[in-house]
Every structure is written in structure tokens, then in C-alpha cells.
Amino acid sequence: MLTDTKIDYTVLDTVNRASIDKVDILEITNKHCRAKLSLFGAHLLSFIPQKDQRERLWLSSAAIFDKSKAIRGGIPVCWPWFADIYPEHHNDESNSQSLHASRDYPAHGFVRTQDWDVSAISESEDETKITLQPSKLGLFGFEKSLNVEIEFTFAEKCTVKLSSQNLSSISQSITAALHSYLNVPSIDTLELHGIEGKFIDKLEDSRLFDSPARYRIQQEVDRIHLVDDSNKMEKVSVSFDERTTSNVANLSVAHTGHDSVIIWNPWIDKSAKMADMPPEGYRNMLCIEAAISSPHCIAPNERHVLEQIID
């Protein structure tokens, strides 16, 4: 295993360093897959298994790589809050202010728009493992003692582990998400499986609805599907209509450490308003996100791991 940011990439068999515009990336090639990982935002851009040479992640053709904003597509890392769901301050007992009171903070936290450092790389015959840590912690009222790292394992499947650790003597809370954009041949031909129970519809004043029995995407969706005792949603799969989409295998995404699964597609009108998304981009992407959408309290010296596995 190699550690430290002064890694000699010339001695590695499966990892090379490159760049896109102002963003440094790692290119991974091993016997099981090819992948591209941006050090800006610890943002996975591409994952292509060798077994079928089919890209699993969608990356916008208009994505911006000048570090002025988060990259559109791939797997953005949302931490220590997801969307505008800010956890309360637990790190300062003299300040009980809720972060809900401020709307000046960036959406999805502060780690997806900063450079991360490589803390470890290991290679074996069957996998390449890369661990990253953000260059800055302790922002927007969070203590530096609330730590985070992300580990990517590139093998036949891609495993992403977002690990939050509370190194302080008091409890601290987070929300978070692995905001995965999946690559689909056509939004019109897919059906989701493994999602049941209630969901919060962000487009309907956050009202609760029952998940559809047959889950297809035919309009803009922004839904927080809630885990409960009978609906763990530990695996969500995507199938495609064979009559219109031939020779495309089904996708599956597994989750652990989550309390919800987010389903998002901006559809026509919202896509047209996004400068970093082509107008027709919504047709070939669907976000299936492993999320902590309710504040999760991490006890002193404890760790929480949010994991997603893409097959």
C-alpha cells in the first residue's frame, strides 16, 4: 500500500495521473474495469467493467472542470449535509442554533467543491483501492474533529464507502449522500425494482406518497424514499424494455448505512435551465442515491459508513 500525497505513480500498475482542464484525475485500469476519479470533490466520473465495456455512470457533456462549481454527473459526494437538510450544531454546546436557519450555505455540503488528497492506494490481482481525504474540514460551523474519508474499490463492481468519524468528546450530526448519476440508454424504457413504502415528494410540498407498484419515470422526479422495517431498499435494480433497448444488461445498486434512497431526474424544463447539462441530457441519466436524509448523530469516537456498490 502506498500512502501520503507524494505518491510515485510511476511504480503503480493500475493507476495513472492525468487532468481535465483544471481538475486532476486518476485513471484506473485493471483486469476487471476502467475508471476515472476526480480529485476535485473526490468525484467518480466513470466506471466501465471489462466484462461488458458498458459505462455505468452518466457524465454531462457540458460538465464544468474549472473548479468554479461541482461537476455535473458521476458520483458527487454530499457531506456533511445533503441538499439543504442541515443538521443542528452538536459541536458547540453554547450555540444551539440550527443550520436550518441559514440559507447562505452551499447545497450538498462543502466537500464536493474542494480538492481531496490521496491518503492511500493499494493494488492486488483482483482490485485497486484508493482512499481520499478532503483538504479542508471544520467549515460552516462544523468542527475539524468531524472527519471524513472516502474509499473506492475498483473490481468487478465499484464499491464506494463514505466514512464519517467523530473524533471529539461530544456527539455530532450529519446528513449525506452519494449522489450517483446512472447511465441509462433511454429514460423512457426503464423500470425500477426494489423500491417500496413511502416517499417524500420534493415537488409536492414534501408530502408523503406511496411508491408506485410499477416504477417508471415519465416526468420530473425528486423523491426521498424512506427506509423502514419492511423496506430496507438495500438493493435497487433497473431493467430496460427489451423491445426498444436490445443488448443492454440490467443495472443494480446496493446500499448500506442509509436511511433513504433518492430518485432524481430533472426532466425537460429544469434541464433546459442548467448551464452544465445538455437539453436532452435527462433522457440518459437517472440518479439513484444512497442517502442519510434525516440528521444522524455520531457518538464521540464513533464512525458511520455510507456505502454504495454499483454493478
Protein backbone atom coordinates (compact mmCIF):
# COMPACT_ATOMS: atom_id res chain seq x y z
CA MET A 1 0.00 0.00 0.00
CA LEU A 2 1.21 3.49 -0.86
CA THR A 3 0.25 6.40 1.36
CA ASP A 4 0.80 10.16 1.52
CA THR A 5 0.13 12.74 -1.18
CA LYS A 6 3.68 12.26 -2.54
CA ILE A 7 2.77 9.07 -4.33
CA ASP A 8 5.07 7.93 -7.12
CA TYR A 9 2.58 6.96 -9.79
CA THR A 10 5.32 5.54 -12.00
CA VAL A 11 5.57 2.48 -9.73
CA LEU A 12 1.85 1.75 -9.88
CA ASP A 13 0.49 -0.81 -12.32
CA THR A 14 -3.16 0.24 -12.43
CA VAL A 15 -3.29 3.98 -11.61
CA ASN A 16 -2.13 6.94 -13.69
CA ARG A 17 -2.46 10.65 -13.01
CA ALA A 18 -3.95 12.98 -15.65
CA SER A 19 -6.06 16.12 -15.84
CA ILE A 20 -9.16 17.62 -17.43
CA ASP A 21 -8.91 21.41 -17.67
CA LYS A 22 -8.02 22.48 -14.09
CA VAL A 23 -9.04 19.21 -12.45
CA ASP A 24 -6.56 16.45 -11.55
CA ILE A 25 -7.88 12.97 -12.12
CA LEU A 26 -6.75 9.40 -11.52
CA GLU A 27 -7.21 6.89 -14.32
CA ILE A 28 -7.64 3.30 -13.17
CA THR A 29 -7.22 0.29 -15.45
CA ASN A 30 -7.12 -3.25 -14.10
CA LYS A 31 -8.28 -6.65 -15.31
CA HIS A 32 -11.83 -6.02 -14.14
CA CYS A 33 -12.59 -2.41 -15.02
CA ARG A 34 -11.60 1.05 -16.19
CA ALA A 35 -12.47 4.16 -14.18
CA LYS A 36 -11.76 7.88 -13.80
CA LEU A 37 -11.70 9.61 -10.43
CA SER A 38 -11.52 13.37 -9.98
CA LEU A 39 -9.52 14.65 -7.01
CA PHE A 40 -11.74 17.74 -7.09
CA GLY A 41 -14.68 16.67 -4.95
CA ALA A 42 -13.48 13.04 -4.66
CA HIS A 43 -15.80 12.67 -7.60
CA LEU A 44 -16.02 9.40 -9.51
CA LEU A 45 -16.53 10.27 -13.19
CA SER A 46 -16.56 6.90 -14.91
CA PHE A 47 -16.78 3.18 -14.17
CA ILE A 48 -16.66 0.67 -17.04
CA PRO A 49 -16.49 -3.06 -16.22
CA GLN A 50 -14.31 -5.03 -18.62
CA LYS A 51 -16.91 -7.80 -18.79
CA ASP A 52 -19.29 -5.77 -20.97
CA GLN A 53 -17.45 -2.48 -21.65
CA ARG A 54 -20.59 -0.55 -20.71
CA GLU A 55 -20.35 2.76 -18.87
CA ARG A 56 -22.29 2.66 -15.60
CA LEU A 57 -22.15 6.39 -14.79
CA TRP A 58 -23.53 9.37 -16.69
CA LEU A 59 -21.32 12.44 -17.03
CA SER A 60 -22.71 15.59 -18.60
CA SER A 61 -21.13 16.55 -21.91
CA ALA A 62 -21.37 20.14 -20.64
CA ALA A 63 -19.78 19.43 -17.24
CA ILE A 64 -17.51 22.21 -15.99
CA PHE A 65 -13.94 21.31 -14.97
CA ASP A 66 -12.59 24.71 -13.94
CA LYS A 67 -13.35 24.20 -10.22
CA SER A 68 -15.91 27.01 -10.21
CA LYS A 69 -18.70 24.58 -9.31
CA ALA A 70 -19.35 20.92 -8.67
CA ILE A 71 -19.04 18.54 -11.62
CA ARG A 72 -22.37 17.51 -13.18
CA GLY A 73 -22.68 13.72 -13.30
CA GLY A 74 -20.73 10.76 -11.94
CA ILE A 75 -20.97 10.43 -8.15
CA PRO A 76 -20.90 13.76 -6.30
CA VAL A 77 -20.20 13.49 -2.56
CA CYS A 78 -22.70 15.37 -0.39
CA TRP A 79 -21.31 15.94 3.14
CA PRO A 80 -21.76 16.96 5.99
CA TRP A 81 -25.19 17.85 4.76
CA PHE A 82 -27.36 16.70 1.88
CA ALA A 83 -29.42 19.18 -0.19
CA ASP A 84 -30.45 21.88 2.31
CA ILE A 85 -31.02 19.40 5.15
CA TYR A 86 -28.58 20.90 7.61
CA PRO A 87 -28.12 19.04 10.91
CA GLU A 88 -28.18 21.01 14.13
CA HIS A 89 -24.95 22.12 15.80
CA HIS A 90 -23.87 19.50 18.29
CA ASN A 91 -20.26 20.60 18.28
CA ASP A 92 -20.79 23.81 20.29
CA GLU A 93 -22.89 23.37 23.40
CA SER A 94 -23.11 27.15 23.82
CA ASN A 95 -24.74 27.52 20.42
CA SER A 96 -27.97 25.61 19.85
CA GLN A 97 -28.61 27.37 16.53
CA SER A 98 -29.93 25.07 13.84
CA LEU A 99 -28.25 25.26 10.47
CA HIS A 100 -31.78 25.29 9.03
CA ALA A 101 -31.79 28.98 9.95
CA SER A 102 -29.25 29.82 7.23
CA ARG A 103 -29.86 29.58 3.51
CA ASP A 104 -26.48 31.06 2.59
CA TYR A 105 -24.69 27.75 2.79
CA PRO A 106 -23.96 25.81 -0.41
CA ALA A 107 -26.27 22.95 -1.35
CA HIS A 108 -24.97 19.46 -0.59
CA GLY A 109 -22.22 20.48 1.83
CA PHE A 110 -18.68 21.74 1.33
CA VAL A 111 -16.58 18.77 0.18
CA ARG A 112 -17.75 18.39 -3.42
CA THR A 113 -16.16 21.73 -4.39
CA GLN A 114 -12.70 21.30 -2.90
CA ASP A 115 -9.61 19.27 -3.72
CA TRP A 116 -9.08 16.00 -1.87
CA ASP A 117 -5.76 14.38 -1.03
CA VAL A 118 -4.84 10.80 -1.80
CA SER A 119 -4.19 9.12 1.53
CA ALA A 120 -3.69 5.54 0.30
CA ILE A 121 -3.54 3.39 -2.83
CA SER A 122 -3.33 -0.39 -2.82
CA GLU A 123 -3.22 -2.80 -5.74
CA SER A 124 -3.81 -6.53 -5.94
CA GLU A 125 -4.58 -9.01 -8.67
CA ASP A 126 -8.32 -8.54 -8.20
CA GLU A 127 -8.81 -4.89 -7.23
CA THR A 128 -7.48 -1.37 -6.96
CA LYS A 129 -8.32 0.55 -3.81
CA ILE A 130 -7.98 4.33 -3.42
CA THR A 131 -8.67 6.37 -0.27
CA LEU A 132 -9.09 10.16 -0.30
CA GLN A 133 -9.44 12.81 2.39
CA PRO A 134 -10.63 16.42 1.96
CA SER A 135 -8.08 19.20 2.21
CA LYS A 136 -10.34 21.32 4.45
CA LEU A 137 -12.60 20.41 7.35
CA GLY A 138 -14.24 22.47 10.07
CA LEU A 139 -16.20 24.77 7.75
CA PHE A 140 -19.67 26.31 8.19
CA GLY A 141 -19.80 25.70 11.92
CA PHE A 142 -18.60 22.08 11.85
CA GLU A 143 -15.60 21.12 13.97
CA LYS A 144 -12.40 19.77 12.46
CA SER A 145 -12.89 16.82 14.79
CA LEU A 146 -15.71 15.67 12.50
CA ASN A 147 -13.63 13.79 9.98
CA VAL A 148 -14.48 12.14 6.67
CA GLU A 149 -12.73 9.97 4.11
CA ILE A 150 -13.89 8.09 1.05
CA GLU A 151 -12.65 4.73 -0.19
CA PHE A 152 -13.16 3.47 -3.74
CA THR A 153 -12.66 -0.19 -4.60
CA PHE A 154 -12.41 -0.88 -8.32
CA ALA A 155 -13.04 -4.52 -9.18
CA GLU A 156 -15.83 -6.39 -10.99
CA LYS A 157 -18.10 -3.99 -9.11
CA CYS A 158 -17.38 -0.48 -7.86
CA THR A 159 -17.68 -0.04 -4.09
CA VAL A 160 -17.78 3.46 -2.60
CA LYS A 161 -17.54 3.92 1.18
CA LEU A 162 -18.05 7.36 2.72
CA SER A 163 -16.79 7.13 6.29
CA SER A 164 -17.61 9.84 8.86
CA GLN A 165 -15.75 9.77 12.17
CA ASN A 166 -16.38 11.88 15.26
CA LEU A 167 -13.05 12.42 16.99
CA SER A 168 -14.46 14.79 19.62
CA SER A 169 -15.88 14.25 23.11
CA ILE A 170 -19.44 15.31 22.16
CA SER A 171 -21.98 13.96 19.69
CA GLN A 172 -22.12 15.47 16.20
CA SER A 173 -24.73 15.07 13.47
CA ILE A 174 -24.59 14.82 9.70
CA THR A 175 -26.73 14.27 6.66
CA ALA A 176 -25.06 12.98 3.50
CA ALA A 177 -25.47 11.29 0.13
CA LEU A 178 -23.65 9.52 -2.65
CA HIS A 179 -25.44 11.35 -5.46
CA SER A 180 -24.93 8.76 -8.21
CA TYR A 181 -25.92 9.57 -11.79
CA LEU A 182 -26.51 6.28 -13.58
CA ASN A 183 -26.12 5.99 -17.34
CA VAL A 184 -29.28 4.65 -18.99
CA PRO A 185 -29.99 4.08 -22.71
CA SER A 186 -33.32 5.88 -22.52
CA ILE A 187 -35.34 7.14 -19.55
CA ASP A 188 -38.48 6.03 -21.40
CA THR A 189 -37.51 2.35 -21.41
CA LEU A 190 -36.54 1.69 -17.80
CA GLU A 191 -38.32 0.35 -14.76
CA LEU A 192 -37.11 0.45 -11.15
CA HIS A 193 -37.29 -2.54 -8.81
CA GLY A 194 -36.72 -2.86 -5.07
CA ILE A 195 -38.35 0.40 -4.02
CA GLU A 196 -41.47 0.20 -1.86
CA GLY A 197 -43.10 2.08 1.00
CA LYS A 198 -43.47 5.82 1.47
CA PHE A 199 -41.60 8.64 -0.20
CA ILE A 200 -41.35 12.38 0.33
CA ASP A 201 -42.12 14.23 -2.90
CA LYS A 202 -39.97 17.38 -3.01
CA LEU A 203 -42.04 18.61 -5.94
CA GLU A 204 -45.31 18.35 -4.00
CA ASP A 205 -44.50 20.40 -0.88
CA SER A 206 -42.69 17.41 0.67
CA ARG A 207 -45.92 15.47 1.08
CA LEU A 208 -45.85 11.70 1.64
CA PHE A 209 -46.93 9.29 -1.10
CA ASP A 210 -46.86 5.54 -1.66
CA SER A 211 -44.28 4.22 -4.08
CA PRO A 212 -45.80 3.13 -7.40
CA ALA A 213 -46.31 -0.59 -7.94
CA ARG A 214 -44.73 -0.25 -11.37
CA TYR A 215 -41.99 2.32 -11.07
CA ARG A 216 -41.29 4.18 -14.32
CA ILE A 217 -40.00 7.70 -14.94
CA GLN A 218 -42.28 9.81 -17.11
CA GLN A 219 -41.81 13.30 -15.65
CA GLU A 220 -39.53 15.27 -13.35
CA VAL A 221 -38.95 13.37 -10.10
CA ASP A 222 -37.29 14.42 -6.84
CA ARG A 223 -38.20 11.79 -4.25
CA ILE A 224 -36.83 10.74 -0.89
CA HIS A 225 -37.78 7.09 -0.40
CA LEU A 226 -37.74 6.30 3.30
CA VAL A 227 -36.24 3.13 4.74
CA ASP A 228 -38.44 1.35 7.28
CA ASP A 229 -38.52 -2.08 8.93
CA SER A 230 -40.18 -3.73 5.94
CA ASN A 231 -38.47 -1.72 3.19
CA LYS A 232 -34.71 -1.62 3.64
CA MET A 233 -34.03 -0.83 -0.03
CA GLU A 234 -30.62 -2.47 0.26
CA LYS A 235 -30.63 -3.17 -3.48
CA VAL A 236 -32.31 -1.23 -6.26
CA SER A 237 -32.19 -2.56 -9.81
CA VAL A 238 -33.03 -1.02 -13.16
CA SER A 239 -34.41 -3.07 -16.03
CA PHE A 240 -34.92 -1.96 -19.61
CA ASP A 241 -37.65 -2.74 -22.13
CA GLU A 242 -36.10 -5.35 -24.42
CA ARG A 243 -38.46 -4.38 -27.22
CA THR A 244 -36.85 -0.96 -27.55
CA THR A 245 -33.47 -1.46 -25.89
CA SER A 246 -31.56 -4.51 -27.09
CA ASN A 247 -28.30 -5.93 -25.74
CA VAL A 248 -28.34 -3.77 -22.60
CA ALA A 249 -27.96 -5.61 -19.30
CA ASN A 250 -29.84 -4.52 -16.20
CA LEU A 251 -28.18 -2.26 -13.62
CA SER A 252 -28.14 -2.73 -9.87
CA VAL A 253 -27.10 -0.51 -6.98
CA ALA A 254 -26.68 -1.81 -3.42
CA HIS A 255 -26.69 0.38 -0.30
CA THR A 256 -25.80 0.16 3.38
CA GLY A 257 -25.69 2.78 6.12
CA HIS A 258 -28.53 4.74 4.52
CA ASP A 259 -31.90 5.86 5.83
CA SER A 260 -33.30 6.70 2.40
CA VAL A 261 -32.84 6.31 -1.33
CA ILE A 262 -33.19 9.37 -3.54
CA ILE A 263 -34.60 9.14 -7.06
CA TRP A 264 -34.00 12.24 -9.18
CA ASN A 265 -34.39 13.25 -12.80
CA PRO A 266 -34.73 16.93 -13.79
CA TRP A 267 -36.75 16.24 -16.93
CA ILE A 268 -37.23 18.75 -19.75
CA ASP A 269 -37.79 22.20 -18.25
CA LYS A 270 -35.21 22.00 -15.47
CA SER A 271 -32.56 20.50 -17.78
CA ALA A 272 -33.01 23.43 -20.16
CA LYS A 273 -32.17 25.84 -17.32
CA MET A 274 -28.93 24.09 -16.32
CA ALA A 275 -25.86 25.56 -17.98
CA ASP A 276 -23.84 22.38 -17.36
CA MET A 277 -26.43 19.95 -18.71
CA PRO A 278 -27.42 19.45 -22.36
CA PRO A 279 -31.15 19.96 -23.01
CA GLU A 280 -31.67 16.27 -23.81
CA GLY A 281 -29.32 15.03 -21.08
CA TYR A 282 -32.19 13.96 -18.84
CA ARG A 283 -33.03 11.17 -21.30
CA ASN A 284 -29.86 9.22 -20.50
CA MET A 285 -29.47 9.63 -16.74
CA LEU A 286 -31.19 8.70 -13.53
CA CYS A 287 -29.91 9.48 -10.06
CA ILE A 288 -30.22 6.64 -7.54
CA GLU A 289 -28.62 7.95 -4.38
CA ALA A 290 -27.69 6.32 -1.09
CA ALA A 291 -28.60 8.98 1.45
CA ILE A 292 -28.80 9.99 5.08
CA SER A 293 -31.68 12.46 4.76
CA SER A 294 -32.51 12.73 8.47
CA PRO A 295 -29.77 14.03 10.79
CA HIS A 296 -27.70 11.11 12.01
CA CYS A 297 -25.99 11.53 15.38
CA ILE A 298 -22.46 10.13 15.62
CA ALA A 299 -21.36 9.50 19.18
CA PRO A 300 -17.87 10.50 20.38
CA ASN A 301 -15.13 8.36 18.85
CA GLU A 302 -17.66 6.51 16.69
CA ARG A 303 -17.78 6.10 12.92
CA HIS A 304 -20.58 5.86 10.36
CA VAL A 305 -20.14 4.34 6.90
CA LEU A 306 -22.44 5.09 3.96
CA GLU A 307 -21.79 2.56 1.21
CA GLN A 308 -22.90 2.12 -2.37
CA ILE A 309 -21.99 -0.74 -4.71
CA ILE A 310 -22.55 -0.34 -8.45
CA ASP A 311 -22.76 -3.45 -10.60
